[in-house]
Amino acid sequence: MRELRRGVTMTKAMFTSAPSGSTSMAGAGTWTSIGDARTVAEGEIKAFPQDGGPVAVANVGGTFYAFDDTCTHKRCSLAEGDLDGTIVTCICHGSQFDVTSGAVKRGPAETPVGSYPARVEAGEVKIQR
């Protein structure tokens, strides 16, 4: 089970790039507000429903990273997985992804998840898609 963590800091914003081979077009899209940054506690991940599928947002030390919420192995929610530093482990079969890039760190997944530039502006998480 995941531990509930408190103490959210909203002072940093992070721009991430899409993993090699991703369909994400970093820098080409518009910035879209997807939710309240205060709802993503430090060390946690939260999924936000979006057109095109849910986007997971991880808060790593006050820096926010956005990536597709759906594991590329068996389509499970990565937001329900465990976050250790910048690595999320899928609860279904243990695949691991780097939240900073979407890269696969451990299988059985073989395909990275898409990642998106993310920032916090006026308390809102915004992504560029």
C-alpha atoms as a PDB file:
ATOM      1  CA  MET A   1       0.000   0.000   0.000  1.00  0.00           C
ATOM      2  CA  ARG A   2       1.057   3.506  -0.656  1.00  0.00           C
ATOM      3  CA  GLU A   3       1.752   5.840   2.219  1.00  0.00           C
ATOM      4  CA  LEU A   4      -0.115   9.113   2.420  1.00  0.00           C
ATOM      5  CA  ARG A   5       2.385  11.915   2.279  1.00  0.00           C
ATOM      6  CA  ARG A   6       1.873  15.540   3.309  1.00  0.00           C
ATOM      7  CA  GLY A   7       3.653  18.809   2.616  1.00  0.00           C
ATOM      8  CA  VAL A   8       3.313  19.878  -0.980  1.00  0.00           C
ATOM      9  CA  THR A   9       5.610  22.514  -2.428  1.00  0.00           C
ATOM     10  CA  MET A  10       4.617  24.281  -5.588  1.00  0.00           C
ATOM     11  CA  THR A  11       7.660  26.414  -6.275  1.00  0.00           C
ATOM     12  CA  LYS A  12       9.269  24.442  -9.104  1.00  0.00           C
ATOM     13  CA  ALA A  13       8.175  23.619 -12.614  1.00  0.00           C
ATOM     14  CA  MET A  14       9.770  21.055 -14.892  1.00  0.00           C
ATOM     15  CA  PHE A  15       9.817  20.691 -18.627  1.00  0.00           C
ATOM     16  CA  THR A  16      10.131  17.096 -19.783  1.00  0.00           C
ATOM     17  CA  SER A  17      10.693  15.809 -23.252  1.00  0.00           C
ATOM     18  CA  ALA A  18       9.089  12.926 -25.041  1.00  0.00           C
ATOM     19  CA  PRO A  19      10.930   9.609 -25.078  1.00  0.00           C
ATOM     20  CA  SER A  20      12.590   8.565 -28.285  1.00  0.00           C
ATOM     21  CA  GLY A  21       9.942   7.199 -30.631  1.00  0.00           C
ATOM     22  CA  SER A  22       7.072   8.785 -28.688  1.00  0.00           C
ATOM     23  CA  THR A  23       4.159  10.379 -30.486  1.00  0.00           C
ATOM     24  CA  SER A  24       4.370  13.388 -28.166  1.00  0.00           C
ATOM     25  CA  MET A  25       5.220  16.626 -29.965  1.00  0.00           C
ATOM     26  CA  ALA A  26       7.101  18.548 -27.266  1.00  0.00           C
ATOM     27  CA  GLY A  27       7.110  22.237 -28.013  1.00  0.00           C
ATOM     28  CA  ALA A  28       4.447  21.971 -30.717  1.00  0.00           C
ATOM     29  CA  GLY A  29       1.243  22.024 -28.655  1.00  0.00           C
ATOM     30  CA  THR A  30      -0.547  24.527 -26.522  1.00  0.00           C
ATOM     31  CA  TRP A  31      -0.376  24.611 -22.742  1.00  0.00           C
ATOM     32  CA  THR A  32      -3.489  23.142 -21.141  1.00  0.00           C
ATOM     33  CA  SER A  33      -4.460  23.280 -17.473  1.00  0.00           C
ATOM     34  CA  ILE A  34      -5.302  19.777 -16.260  1.00  0.00           C
ATOM     35  CA  GLY A  35      -5.826  20.235 -12.523  1.00  0.00           C
ATOM     36  CA  ASP A  36      -4.902  21.656  -9.147  1.00  0.00           C
ATOM     37  CA  ALA A  37      -1.218  21.068  -8.329  1.00  0.00           C
ATOM     38  CA  ARG A  38      -2.050  20.903  -4.610  1.00  0.00           C
ATOM     39  CA  THR A  39      -3.820  17.581  -5.217  1.00  0.00           C
ATOM     40  CA  VAL A  40      -0.517  15.909  -6.170  1.00  0.00           C
ATOM     41  CA  ALA A  41       1.427  15.513  -2.917  1.00  0.00           C
ATOM     42  CA  GLU A  42       5.200  15.242  -2.974  1.00  0.00           C
ATOM     43  CA  GLY A  43       6.212  11.649  -3.738  1.00  0.00           C
ATOM     44  CA  GLU A  44       2.802  10.843  -5.230  1.00  0.00           C
ATOM     45  CA  ILE A  45       1.181  10.395  -8.641  1.00  0.00           C
ATOM     46  CA  LYS A  46      -2.311  11.435  -9.676  1.00  0.00           C
ATOM     47  CA  ALA A  47      -4.165  10.746 -12.930  1.00  0.00           C
ATOM     48  CA  PHE A  48      -6.135  13.504 -14.617  1.00  0.00           C
ATOM     49  CA  PRO A  49      -8.754  12.605 -17.256  1.00  0.00           C
ATOM     50  CA  GLN A  50      -7.992  14.174 -20.642  1.00  0.00           C
ATOM     51  CA  ASP A  51      -9.157  13.860 -24.209  1.00  0.00           C
ATOM     52  CA  GLY A  52      -6.941  11.163 -25.687  1.00  0.00           C
ATOM     53  CA  GLY A  53      -6.590   9.314 -22.377  1.00  0.00           C
ATOM     54  CA  PRO A  54      -5.640  10.023 -18.780  1.00  0.00           C
ATOM     55  CA  VAL A  55      -2.403  11.831 -17.991  1.00  0.00           C
ATOM     56  CA  ALA A  56      -0.476  10.953 -14.825  1.00  0.00           C
ATOM     57  CA  VAL A  57       1.373  13.681 -12.951  1.00  0.00           C
ATOM     58  CA  ALA A  58       4.167  12.780 -10.523  1.00  0.00           C
ATOM     59  CA  ASN A  59       5.490  15.207  -7.916  1.00  0.00           C
ATOM     60  CA  VAL A  60       9.172  14.405  -7.303  1.00  0.00           C
ATOM     61  CA  GLY A  61      10.638  16.786  -4.754  1.00  0.00           C
ATOM     62  CA  GLY A  62       8.334  19.598  -5.875  1.00  0.00           C
ATOM     63  CA  THR A  63       9.069  19.062  -9.580  1.00  0.00           C
ATOM     64  CA  PHE A  64       6.142  17.878 -11.687  1.00  0.00           C
ATOM     65  CA  TYR A  65       6.375  15.326 -14.511  1.00  0.00           C
ATOM     66  CA  ALA A  66       3.504  14.420 -16.860  1.00  0.00           C
ATOM     67  CA  PHE A  67       3.174  11.148 -18.767  1.00  0.00           C
ATOM     68  CA  ASP A  68       0.533   8.792 -20.134  1.00  0.00           C
ATOM     69  CA  ASP A  69      -1.220   7.054 -17.248  1.00  0.00           C
ATOM     70  CA  THR A  70      -1.659   3.754 -19.091  1.00  0.00           C
ATOM     71  CA  CYS A  71       1.052   1.072 -18.858  1.00  0.00           C
ATOM     72  CA  THR A  72       2.093  -0.091 -22.314  1.00  0.00           C
ATOM     73  CA  HIS A  73       2.168  -3.745 -21.183  1.00  0.00           C
ATOM     74  CA  LYS A  74      -1.335  -4.525 -19.902  1.00  0.00           C
ATOM     75  CA  ARG A  75      -3.020  -1.087 -19.892  1.00  0.00           C
ATOM     76  CA  CYS A  76      -3.069  -0.648 -16.088  1.00  0.00           C
ATOM     77  CA  SER A  77      -3.060   2.804 -14.454  1.00  0.00           C
ATOM     78  CA  LEU A  78       0.444   3.959 -13.564  1.00  0.00           C
ATOM     79  CA  ALA A  79      -0.983   6.475 -11.084  1.00  0.00           C
ATOM     80  CA  GLU A  80      -2.025   3.476  -8.988  1.00  0.00           C
ATOM     81  CA  GLY A  81       1.563   2.211  -8.984  1.00  0.00           C
ATOM     82  CA  ASP A  82       4.382   2.925  -6.560  1.00  0.00           C
ATOM     83  CA  LEU A  83       6.729   5.880  -7.052  1.00  0.00           C
ATOM     84  CA  ASP A  84      10.336   5.527  -5.858  1.00  0.00           C
ATOM     85  CA  GLY A  85      12.330   8.619  -6.784  1.00  0.00           C
ATOM     86  CA  THR A  86      11.662   9.074 -10.496  1.00  0.00           C
ATOM     87  CA  ILE A  87      10.681   5.443 -11.139  1.00  0.00           C
ATOM     88  CA  VAL A  88       7.044   4.285 -11.139  1.00  0.00           C
ATOM     89  CA  THR A  89       6.295   0.579 -10.812  1.00  0.00           C
ATOM     90  CA  CYS A  90       3.059  -0.658 -12.393  1.00  0.00           C
ATOM     91  CA  ILE A  91       0.857  -2.564  -9.947  1.00  0.00           C
ATOM     92  CA  CYS A  92      -0.190  -5.170 -12.517  1.00  0.00           C
ATOM     93  CA  HIS A  93       3.037  -6.863 -13.584  1.00  0.00           C
ATOM     94  CA  GLY A  94       5.887  -4.772 -12.183  1.00  0.00           C
ATOM     95  CA  SER A  95       6.950  -2.863 -15.287  1.00  0.00           C
ATOM     96  CA  GLN A  96       8.936   0.228 -14.386  1.00  0.00           C
ATOM     97  CA  PHE A  97       9.044   3.594 -16.157  1.00  0.00           C
ATOM     98  CA  ASP A  98      11.103   6.731 -15.632  1.00  0.00           C
ATOM     99  CA  VAL A  99       8.608   9.547 -15.014  1.00  0.00           C
ATOM    100  CA  THR A 100      11.051  12.138 -16.372  1.00  0.00           C
ATOM    101  CA  SER A 101      11.103  10.626 -19.868  1.00  0.00           C
ATOM    102  CA  GLY A 102       8.589   7.759 -20.078  1.00  0.00           C
ATOM    103  CA  ALA A 103      11.443   5.297 -20.738  1.00  0.00           C
ATOM    104  CA  VAL A 104      11.037   1.643 -19.749  1.00  0.00           C
ATOM    105  CA  LYS A 105      13.419   0.783 -16.921  1.00  0.00           C
ATOM    106  CA  ARG A 106      12.213  -2.790 -16.349  1.00  0.00           C
ATOM    107  CA  GLY A 107       9.856  -5.075 -18.258  1.00  0.00           C
ATOM    108  CA  PRO A 108       7.749  -6.856 -19.083  1.00  0.00           C
ATOM    109  CA  ALA A 109       6.737  -3.594 -20.853  1.00  0.00           C
ATOM    110  CA  GLU A 110       8.869  -2.891 -23.911  1.00  0.00           C
ATOM    111  CA  THR A 111       7.334   0.363 -25.174  1.00  0.00           C
ATOM    112  CA  PRO A 112       7.853   3.674 -23.343  1.00  0.00           C
ATOM    113  CA  VAL A 113       4.900   5.794 -22.262  1.00  0.00           C
ATOM    114  CA  GLY A 114       4.487   9.246 -23.762  1.00  0.00           C
ATOM    115  CA  SER A 115       5.714  12.131 -21.629  1.00  0.00           C
ATOM    116  CA  TYR A 116       4.817  15.795 -21.848  1.00  0.00           C
ATOM    117  CA  PRO A 117       6.318  19.118 -20.824  1.00  0.00           C
ATOM    118  CA  ALA A 118       4.725  20.109 -17.509  1.00  0.00           C
ATOM    119  CA  ARG A 119       4.735  23.195 -15.343  1.00  0.00           C
ATOM    120  CA  VAL A 120       2.858  24.713 -12.436  1.00  0.00           C
ATOM    121  CA  GLU A 121       1.352  28.099 -13.092  1.00  0.00           C
ATOM    122  CA  ALA A 122      -0.932  29.921 -10.635  1.00  0.00           C
ATOM    123  CA  GLY A 123      -1.365  26.662  -8.703  1.00  0.00           C
ATOM    124  CA  GLU A 124      -2.489  24.694 -11.771  1.00  0.00           C
ATOM    125  CA  VAL A 125      -0.631  21.835 -13.453  1.00  0.00           C
ATOM    126  CA  LYS A 126      -0.304  22.630 -17.130  1.00  0.00           C
ATOM    127  CA  ILE A 127       0.911  20.268 -19.836  1.00  0.00           C
ATOM    128  CA  GLN A 128       1.908  20.830 -23.415  1.00  0.00           C
ATOM    129  CA  ARG A 129       0.430  18.282 -25.824  1.00  0.00           C
END
